[in-house]
Every structure is written in C-alpha cells, then in structure tokens.
Protein backbone atom coordinates (compact mmCIF):
# COMPACT_ATOMS: atom_id res chain seq x y z
CA MET A 1 -0.89 -72.69 50.57
CA LYS A 2 -1.10 -75.34 47.91
CA LYS A 3 -0.02 -76.00 44.33
CA GLY A 4 -1.76 -73.62 41.93
CA ASP A 5 -2.20 -70.78 44.43
CA ARG A 6 -0.69 -67.43 43.49
CA ILE A 7 1.66 -65.62 45.85
CA HIS A 8 2.45 -61.92 45.57
CA PHE A 9 5.65 -60.57 47.10
CA GLU A 10 6.01 -56.96 48.31
CA GLU A 11 8.82 -56.06 45.88
CA GLU A 12 7.23 -57.68 42.80
CA SER A 13 4.63 -56.21 40.47
CA ARG A 14 3.16 -59.57 39.34
CA PRO A 15 2.35 -62.65 41.42
CA TYR A 16 4.05 -66.05 41.14
CA VAL A 17 2.22 -69.37 40.83
CA ILE A 18 3.09 -72.10 43.33
CA ARG A 19 4.32 -75.02 41.22
CA SER A 20 5.73 -77.33 43.90
CA ILE A 21 5.39 -77.27 47.67
CA GLY A 22 7.03 -79.23 50.46
CA GLU A 23 7.26 -78.92 54.24
CA ARG A 24 9.98 -76.25 54.09
CA TYR A 25 10.34 -75.06 50.48
CA VAL A 26 7.94 -73.63 47.90
CA VAL A 27 8.94 -73.38 44.21
CA CYS A 28 7.13 -70.57 42.37
CA THR A 29 7.21 -69.31 38.79
CA LYS A 30 5.80 -66.46 36.72
CA PRO A 31 5.84 -65.89 32.96
CA PHE A 32 8.75 -64.05 31.38
CA ASN A 33 7.13 -63.36 28.00
CA LEU A 34 10.06 -61.46 26.50
CA ARG A 35 12.16 -64.65 26.51
CA HIS A 36 9.26 -67.14 26.21
CA THR A 37 10.20 -68.77 29.51
CA VAL A 38 9.55 -68.30 33.22
CA LEU A 39 11.22 -66.62 36.17
CA TYR A 40 11.31 -68.62 39.38
CA THR A 41 11.90 -68.15 43.07
CA VAL A 42 12.22 -70.61 45.91
CA VAL A 43 10.69 -69.74 49.28
CA ASP A 44 12.34 -71.10 52.43
CA MET A 45 9.63 -71.03 55.10
CA LYS A 46 12.10 -71.99 57.85
CA GLU A 47 14.61 -69.17 57.24
CA ASN A 48 12.00 -66.68 55.91
CA VAL A 49 13.97 -65.92 52.73
CA ARG A 50 13.52 -66.48 49.03
CA GLY A 51 15.83 -66.66 46.05
CA THR A 52 17.19 -68.86 43.31
CA GLU A 53 18.72 -72.31 43.57
CA ASP A 54 22.50 -72.23 44.02
CA LEU A 55 23.34 -74.07 40.77
CA VAL A 56 25.56 -72.10 38.37
CA PHE A 57 23.74 -73.37 35.30
CA GLY A 58 20.26 -74.12 36.65
CA LEU A 59 18.26 -77.07 35.41
CA GLY A 60 15.15 -74.97 34.73
CA ALA A 61 11.73 -74.48 36.26
CA GLU A 62 9.57 -74.40 33.15
CA THR A 63 7.60 -77.60 33.82
CA ASP A 64 5.95 -79.15 36.86
CA LYS A 65 8.45 -82.01 36.64
CA GLN A 66 11.43 -79.61 36.75
CA CYS A 67 9.89 -77.81 39.74
CA GLU A 68 9.34 -81.13 41.55
CA GLU A 69 12.96 -82.12 40.84
CA MET A 70 14.17 -78.77 42.20
CA LEU A 71 12.10 -79.28 45.35
CA TYR A 72 13.60 -82.77 45.74
CA ARG A 73 17.16 -81.39 45.46
CA LEU A 74 16.41 -78.71 48.05
CA GLU A 75 14.71 -81.05 50.50
CA HIS A 76 17.51 -83.64 50.28
CA ASP A 77 20.33 -81.08 50.79
CA VAL A 78 21.74 -81.50 47.28
CA THR A 79 21.32 -77.76 46.69
CA GLU A 80 20.14 -74.76 48.67
CA ILE A 81 18.90 -71.24 48.09
CA SER A 82 21.74 -69.10 46.78
CA HIS A 83 23.34 -67.03 49.53
CA ARG A 84 24.21 -64.38 46.98
CA ASN A 85 20.69 -64.00 45.58
CA ARG A 86 18.55 -64.47 48.67
CA ILE A 87 16.29 -61.72 49.95
CA PRO A 88 13.98 -61.48 52.98
CA LEU A 89 10.56 -63.08 52.56
CA LEU A 90 7.95 -60.31 52.32
CA ILE A 91 4.62 -61.82 51.26
CA LYS A 92 2.01 -59.23 50.32
CA TYR A 93 -0.83 -61.73 49.90
CA VAL A 94 -1.74 -65.19 48.61
CA TYR A 95 -4.55 -65.85 46.11
CA LEU A 96 -6.07 -69.23 46.95
CA ASN A 97 -6.93 -71.36 43.94
CA PRO A 98 -10.40 -72.93 44.43
C-alpha cells in the first residue's frame, strides 16, 4: 500500500484514501459531503484494528499536513488509537493507485 491508494473496509460502503502511511499506522480519509469535511480512520497494522485518534477534540485530518502530523503523533507514542472506538481490521480490498 502507498499514499493515494484506496482501501475498502468490509463494514463501509465507500472506500477511504490513504493519506499518510508509516511502518505501523495508516491514516485514511473519505469525503463527508454533508458537512463539507472528511471522515478519517487510522489503521494499526500491528494490532489489526482501526479507529480514531484518542484526542477528545481532534486536530483534524482534512489536509495532507494534518494527516502527516497525526501519523507523527501515533508513531511517537503521543497518542494512540482510541480504545473506545476501535474495531477489528477487516479489509475488503485495496485499489492501487498507478
């Protein structure tokens, strides 16, 4: 997987776009047109779960810079994937971006 690829999860109707990727974590977003923003999820490849960051008032994932900053916080143990909002990682398929 690489930045720009699309990843489709079993329980989702629309795929997410990979915005930032590290050795362990993958930050993905998809449009949320009703609110003119995005929804995001963080994949933890080590624990095979995904979910949101554990910040009460998140710092956003609308831009590539915000996604890179989120990845940095996760990789440097500043934050983690929320224990309350995590779900098992069930990848349906990945669309590779040429």
